[in-house]
C-alpha atoms as a PDB file:
ATOM      1  CA  MET A   1     110.007 150.842 107.506  1.00  0.00           C
ATOM      2  CA  ALA A   2     107.490 150.570 110.310  1.00  0.00           C
ATOM      3  CA  ARG A   3     104.973 148.199 111.071  1.00  0.00           C
ATOM      4  CA  ARG A   4     101.654 148.309 113.283  1.00  0.00           C
ATOM      5  CA  ALA A   5     100.156 145.263 113.966  1.00  0.00           C
ATOM      6  CA  LEU A   6      96.310 145.853 114.709  1.00  0.00           C
ATOM      7  CA  PHE A   7      94.325 143.819 116.624  1.00  0.00           C
ATOM      8  CA  PRO A   8      91.074 143.988 116.998  1.00  0.00           C
ATOM      9  CA  GLY A   9      88.288 143.326 120.221  1.00  0.00           C
ATOM     10  CA  GLY A  10      89.259 140.013 121.589  1.00  0.00           C
ATOM     11  CA  ALA A  11      92.247 139.052 119.564  1.00  0.00           C
ATOM     12  CA  ARG A  12      95.175 139.674 121.326  1.00  0.00           C
ATOM     13  CA  THR A  13      94.912 136.477 124.049  1.00  0.00           C
ATOM     14  CA  THR A  14      94.772 134.911 120.461  1.00  0.00           C
ATOM     15  CA  ALA A  15      96.963 136.298 119.198  1.00  0.00           C
ATOM     16  CA  ASP A  16      99.509 136.012 121.619  1.00  0.00           C
ATOM     17  CA  LYS A  17      98.867 132.433 122.515  1.00  0.00           C
ATOM     18  CA  ILE A  18      99.840 131.139 118.757  1.00  0.00           C
ATOM     19  CA  LYS A  19     102.256 134.243 118.226  1.00  0.00           C
ATOM     20  CA  LEU A  20     100.989 136.252 115.336  1.00  0.00           C
ATOM     21  CA  SER A  21      98.878 139.567 114.497  1.00  0.00           C
ATOM     22  CA  PRO A  22      95.706 139.448 113.244  1.00  0.00           C
ATOM     23  CA  GLY A  23      96.965 142.268 110.567  1.00  0.00           C
ATOM     24  CA  ILE A  24      99.741 144.045 109.867  1.00  0.00           C
ATOM     25  CA  VAL A  25     100.266 146.745 108.392  1.00  0.00           C
ATOM     26  CA  SER A  26     103.520 147.476 106.320  1.00  0.00           C
ATOM     27  CA  GLY A  27     104.702 150.781 103.917  1.00  0.00           C
ATOM     28  CA  ASP A  28     100.518 151.508 102.106  1.00  0.00           C
ATOM     29  CA  HIS A  29      98.778 147.002 102.835  1.00  0.00           C
ATOM     30  CA  VAL A  30      97.718 145.759 105.441  1.00  0.00           C
ATOM     31  CA  TYR A  31      97.845 142.330 105.253  1.00  0.00           C
ATOM     32  CA  VAL A  32      95.286 139.668 107.438  1.00  0.00           C
ATOM     33  CA  THR A  33      95.767 136.639 108.942  1.00  0.00           C
ATOM     34  CA  GLY A  34      94.010 133.512 107.751  1.00  0.00           C
ATOM     35  CA  MET A  35      90.723 133.586 109.131  1.00  0.00           C
ATOM     36  CA  THR A  36      87.859 130.878 109.572  1.00  0.00           C
ATOM     37  CA  GLY A  37      84.301 130.913 110.506  1.00  0.00           C
ATOM     38  CA  SER A  38      84.775 129.887 114.060  1.00  0.00           C
ATOM     39  CA  ARG A  39      81.839 131.907 116.458  1.00  0.00           C
ATOM     40  CA  PRO A  40      83.196 134.941 119.149  1.00  0.00           C
ATOM     41  CA  ASP A  41      83.187 132.162 121.759  1.00  0.00           C
ATOM     42  CA  GLY A  42      85.351 129.879 119.826  1.00  0.00           C
ATOM     43  CA  THR A  43      82.714 127.852 118.636  1.00  0.00           C
ATOM     44  CA  MET A  44      82.520 126.083 115.089  1.00  0.00           C
ATOM     45  CA  PRO A  45      79.359 126.681 113.263  1.00  0.00           C
ATOM     46  CA  VAL A  46      78.283 123.769 111.505  1.00  0.00           C
ATOM     47  CA  ASP A  47      75.969 125.675 108.961  1.00  0.00           C
ATOM     48  CA  LEU A  48      78.419 126.925 106.052  1.00  0.00           C
ATOM     49  CA  GLU A  49      77.201 130.117 105.075  1.00  0.00           C
ATOM     50  CA  GLU A  50      76.962 130.837 109.435  1.00  0.00           C
ATOM     51  CA  GLN A  51      81.121 129.958 109.062  1.00  0.00           C
ATOM     52  CA  PHE A  52      81.549 132.351 105.896  1.00  0.00           C
ATOM     53  CA  ARG A  53      79.870 134.750 107.882  1.00  0.00           C
ATOM     54  CA  GLN A  54      81.897 134.988 110.915  1.00  0.00           C
ATOM     55  CA  ALA A  55      85.649 134.478 107.916  1.00  0.00           C
ATOM     56  CA  PHE A  56      84.291 137.477 106.882  1.00  0.00           C
ATOM     57  CA  GLU A  57      83.489 139.460 109.674  1.00  0.00           C
ATOM     58  CA  LYS A  58      86.771 138.864 111.631  1.00  0.00           C
ATOM     59  CA  ILE A  59      88.209 140.261 107.982  1.00  0.00           C
ATOM     60  CA  GLY A  60      86.120 143.338 109.107  1.00  0.00           C
ATOM     61  CA  ALA A  61      87.103 143.833 112.068  1.00  0.00           C
ATOM     62  CA  VAL A  62      90.769 143.836 111.613  1.00  0.00           C
ATOM     63  CA  LEU A  63      89.811 146.097 108.536  1.00  0.00           C
ATOM     64  CA  ARG A  64      87.946 148.875 110.240  1.00  0.00           C
ATOM     65  CA  GLU A  65      91.622 148.539 113.019  1.00  0.00           C
ATOM     66  CA  ALA A  66      92.501 149.614 110.626  1.00  0.00           C
ATOM     67  CA  GLY A  67      90.524 152.164 109.674  1.00  0.00           C
ATOM     68  CA  LEU A  68      89.519 150.319 106.168  1.00  0.00           C
ATOM     69  CA  ASP A  69      86.742 148.149 104.978  1.00  0.00           C
ATOM     70  CA  PHE A  70      86.413 146.302 101.633  1.00  0.00           C
ATOM     71  CA  GLY A  71      86.515 148.767  99.147  1.00  0.00           C
ATOM     72  CA  SER A  72      90.354 148.254 100.516  1.00  0.00           C
ATOM     73  CA  VAL A  73      91.491 145.059  99.965  1.00  0.00           C
ATOM     74  CA  VAL A  74      92.697 144.497  96.561  1.00  0.00           C
ATOM     75  CA  GLU A  75      93.834 141.301  97.269  1.00  0.00           C
ATOM     76  CA  MET A  76      92.147 136.999  98.796  1.00  0.00           C
ATOM     77  CA  THR A  77      93.323 133.839  98.798  1.00  0.00           C
ATOM     78  CA  SER A  78      90.975 131.307 100.176  1.00  0.00           C
ATOM     79  CA  TYR A  79      91.414 128.045 101.443  1.00  0.00           C
ATOM     80  CA  HIS A  80      88.444 126.079 100.771  1.00  0.00           C
ATOM     81  CA  ILE A  81      87.841 121.807 102.123  1.00  0.00           C
ATOM     82  CA  GLY A  82      84.883 120.751  99.712  1.00  0.00           C
ATOM     83  CA  LEU A  83      85.338 123.609  97.571  1.00  0.00           C
ATOM     84  CA  ARG A  84      83.179 122.078  94.415  1.00  0.00           C
ATOM     85  CA  ASP A  85      80.883 121.055  96.847  1.00  0.00           C
ATOM     86  CA  HIS A  86      79.821 124.657  98.495  1.00  0.00           C
ATOM     87  CA  PHE A  87      81.590 127.081  95.969  1.00  0.00           C
ATOM     88  CA  ASP A  88      78.435 128.602  94.942  1.00  0.00           C
ATOM     89  CA  ARG A  89      77.429 129.081  98.593  1.00  0.00           C
ATOM     90  CA  PHE A  90      80.366 131.067  99.173  1.00  0.00           C
ATOM     91  CA  CYS A  91      80.094 132.836  96.376  1.00  0.00           C
ATOM     92  CA  ASP A  92      76.702 134.159  97.188  1.00  0.00           C
ATOM     93  CA  VAL A  93      78.036 135.225 100.719  1.00  0.00           C
ATOM     94  CA  ARG A  94      81.277 136.533  99.288  1.00  0.00           C
ATOM     95  CA  SER A  95      79.601 138.896  97.348  1.00  0.00           C
ATOM     96  CA  GLU A  96      77.983 140.633 100.831  1.00  0.00           C
ATOM     97  CA  TYR A  97      81.003 141.942 101.453  1.00  0.00           C
ATOM     98  CA  VAL A  98      82.879 142.369  98.506  1.00  0.00           C
ATOM     99  CA  SER A  99      81.925 145.259  95.590  1.00  0.00           C
ATOM    100  CA  GLU A 100      83.228 146.305  92.191  1.00  0.00           C
ATOM    101  CA  PRO A 101      86.793 146.906  91.807  1.00  0.00           C
ATOM    102  CA  PHE A 102      86.850 143.258  92.920  1.00  0.00           C
ATOM    103  CA  PRO A 103      89.788 142.067  94.698  1.00  0.00           C
ATOM    104  CA  ALA A 104      91.597 139.502  92.797  1.00  0.00           C
ATOM    105  CA  TRP A 105      90.878 136.492  94.276  1.00  0.00           C
ATOM    106  CA  THR A 106      92.364 132.824  94.502  1.00  0.00           C
ATOM    107  CA  ALA A 107      90.100 130.059  95.833  1.00  0.00           C
ATOM    108  CA  VAL A 108      91.887 127.123  96.959  1.00  0.00           C
ATOM    109  CA  GLU A 109      91.313 122.857  97.577  1.00  0.00           C
ATOM    110  CA  VAL A 110      93.483 122.227 100.659  1.00  0.00           C
ATOM    111  CA  ALA A 111      92.828 118.787 102.210  1.00  0.00           C
ATOM    112  CA  GLY A 112      92.873 120.410 106.083  1.00  0.00           C
ATOM    113  CA  LEU A 113      92.689 123.223 108.279  1.00  0.00           C
ATOM    114  CA  ARG A 114      94.475 123.862 112.010  1.00  0.00           C
ATOM    115  CA  ARG A 115      91.049 124.431 113.054  1.00  0.00           C
ATOM    116  CA  ILE A 116      88.527 121.486 113.312  1.00  0.00           C
ATOM    117  CA  GLY A 117      85.458 121.240 111.301  1.00  0.00           C
ATOM    118  CA  ALA A 118      86.439 125.002 109.284  1.00  0.00           C
ATOM    119  CA  VAL A 119      85.936 124.283 106.384  1.00  0.00           C
ATOM    120  CA  VAL A 120      87.669 127.764 105.198  1.00  0.00           C
ATOM    121  CA  GLU A 121      89.747 130.006 105.443  1.00  0.00           C
ATOM    122  CA  ILE A 122      90.414 133.588 104.243  1.00  0.00           C
ATOM    123  CA  LYS A 123      93.395 135.682 104.041  1.00  0.00           C
ATOM    124  CA  VAL A 124      93.190 139.751 102.547  1.00  0.00           C
ATOM    125  CA  VAL A 125      95.268 142.260 100.894  1.00  0.00           C
ATOM    126  CA  ALA A 126      94.011 145.754 101.822  1.00  0.00           C
ATOM    127  CA  SER A 127      95.688 148.707  99.949  1.00  0.00           C
ATOM    128  CA  ILE A 128      95.350 152.146 101.960  1.00  0.00           C
ATOM    129  CA  ASP A 129      94.651 154.984 100.813  1.00  0.00           C
ATOM    130  CA  SER A 130      97.439 157.491 100.771  1.00  0.00           C
ATOM    131  CA  SER A 131      94.700 160.672 100.921  1.00  0.00           C
ATOM    132  CA  ARG A 132      93.448 158.798 104.551  1.00  0.00           C
ATOM    133  CA  PRO A 133      94.350 159.930 107.775  1.00  0.00           C
ATOM    134  CA  GLU A 134      95.615 156.859 109.694  1.00  0.00           C
END
């Protein structure tokens, strides 16, 4: 089965440095690497809602590279530092991006994330509608 890496604008440098693909098309699915909420310049916002939006925007860029949008997401896993402290705010931001039928979702409390200052990392799996051209 052929696989294709997805690199939205500006993602190639970081991806090459740490040897990953922001997204992979494999079969009828797109697997998006866990994204933190850093800004395009690499800085990490202190404001949690900005972090959440930045993470979703980066996921959206990978999905668009595959010709998809958040309506294609079938599974989401989010990893949180301080989950109970910001769960409601995260849900409010998340609801700006996902709609019915909502993806399956698992939220996990973790002790730490790779990026200093990050409080969330989100990964998704999206389904490619076979009637859509690639």
